[in-house]
Protein backbone atom coordinates (compact mmCIF):
# COMPACT_ATOMS: atom_id res chain seq x y z
CA ASP A 1 -5.39 8.51 -5.41
CA GLY A 2 -4.65 4.93 -5.68
CA LEU A 3 -4.53 2.24 -3.06
CA HIS A 4 -0.46 1.79 -3.97
CA SER A 5 0.78 5.45 -2.43
CA ARG A 6 -0.72 4.77 0.75
CA LEU A 7 0.16 1.28 1.60
CA SER A 8 2.75 2.74 4.40
CA ASP A 9 -0.31 4.21 6.15
CA VAL A 10 -1.16 0.60 7.00
CA ARG A 11 -0.22 -0.40 10.14
CA CYS A 12 -2.51 -2.81 11.64
CA PRO A 13 -2.51 -7.02 10.31
CA VAL A 14 -3.32 -7.33 6.26
CA LEU A 15 -5.04 -11.05 5.32
CA TRP A 16 -4.81 -11.64 1.46
CA LEU A 17 -6.46 -14.24 0.69
CA HIS A 18 -6.27 -15.13 -3.20
CA GLY A 19 -7.41 -17.53 -5.66
CA THR A 20 -4.85 -19.84 -8.00
CA ALA A 21 -7.49 -19.82 -10.28
CA ASP A 22 -7.94 -15.99 -10.39
CA ALA A 23 -7.83 -14.79 -14.19
CA VAL A 24 -7.78 -11.53 -13.20
CA TYR A 25 -4.46 -10.92 -10.58
CA SER A 26 -2.02 -14.28 -10.41
CA VAL A 27 -0.30 -15.33 -7.54
CA LYS A 28 2.68 -13.80 -8.33
CA ASN A 29 1.06 -10.44 -8.49
CA ALA A 30 -0.29 -11.01 -5.00
CA GLU A 31 3.03 -12.47 -3.36
CA GLU A 32 4.78 -8.84 -5.30
CA GLU A 33 2.01 -6.74 -3.60
CA ILE A 34 1.61 -8.44 -0.12
CA LYS A 35 5.33 -6.95 0.21
CA MET A 36 4.11 -3.46 -0.30
CA PHE A 37 2.11 -3.41 3.33
CA VAL A 38 5.97 -2.16 5.31
CA ASN A 39 4.17 -1.48 8.18
CA SER A 40 1.72 -4.03 8.65
CA PRO A 41 2.47 -5.96 11.85
CA ASP A 42 1.44 -8.96 10.15
CA ALA A 43 0.89 -9.05 6.41
CA GLN A 44 0.23 -12.56 4.90
CA LEU A 45 -0.60 -14.30 2.05
CA LYS A 46 -2.89 -17.44 1.95
CA THR A 47 -3.83 -18.77 -1.55
CA VAL A 48 -6.54 -20.88 -2.08
CA GLU A 49 -6.50 -23.70 -4.51
CA GLY A 50 -8.62 -23.62 -7.05
CA GLY A 51 -10.05 -20.37 -6.07
CA GLN A 52 -11.28 -17.68 -8.99
CA HIS A 53 -11.33 -13.53 -8.57
CA PHE A 54 -14.36 -13.32 -6.47
CA LEU A 55 -13.29 -16.30 -4.18
CA SER A 56 -16.05 -15.84 -0.95
CA PHE A 57 -18.04 -17.40 -4.37
CA SER A 58 -15.84 -19.64 -5.43
CA HIS A 59 -15.08 -21.29 -1.63
CA PRO A 60 -16.78 -19.81 1.16
CA LYS A 61 -16.04 -22.82 3.11
CA GLU A 62 -12.07 -21.51 3.34
CA VAL A 63 -12.56 -17.78 3.05
CA ASP A 64 -15.05 -18.05 6.16
CA GLY A 65 -12.72 -20.54 7.90
CA ALA A 66 -9.22 -18.01 7.05
CA LEU A 67 -11.14 -14.63 8.17
CA ILE A 68 -12.84 -16.46 11.67
CA GLN A 69 -8.74 -17.72 11.98
CA PHE A 70 -7.34 -14.56 11.70
CA VAL A 71 -9.80 -12.40 13.72
CA GLY A 72 -9.47 -14.96 17.04
CA LYS A 73 -5.97 -13.82 16.51
CA TYR A 74 -6.44 -10.70 15.99
CA GLY A 75 -9.50 -9.12 17.25
CA LYS A 76 -9.23 -9.47 20.76
C-alpha cells in the first residue's frame, strides 16, 4: 500500500519542496509526481537551488520561510 494509490484522496493544499541537488530523487521526478495530486485545490512544487535530499538540513531558512508562507495562506 503505497502513497501513489491514494493521491486522489488528497483534497488539501500541497507544498512540495525539492532541492535541485537531491541525489535520491530528481527535480524531474518531483515535477511529474506533483501532477498526481489531482484533487488538491493547490498542489505546488517549489525548488530550492542547491538543496540536498534532506532539505530542512541543507537549507533550513528556505524551508522555514516557505512553510511559514504556506501555513499563513492556508492555516486560517
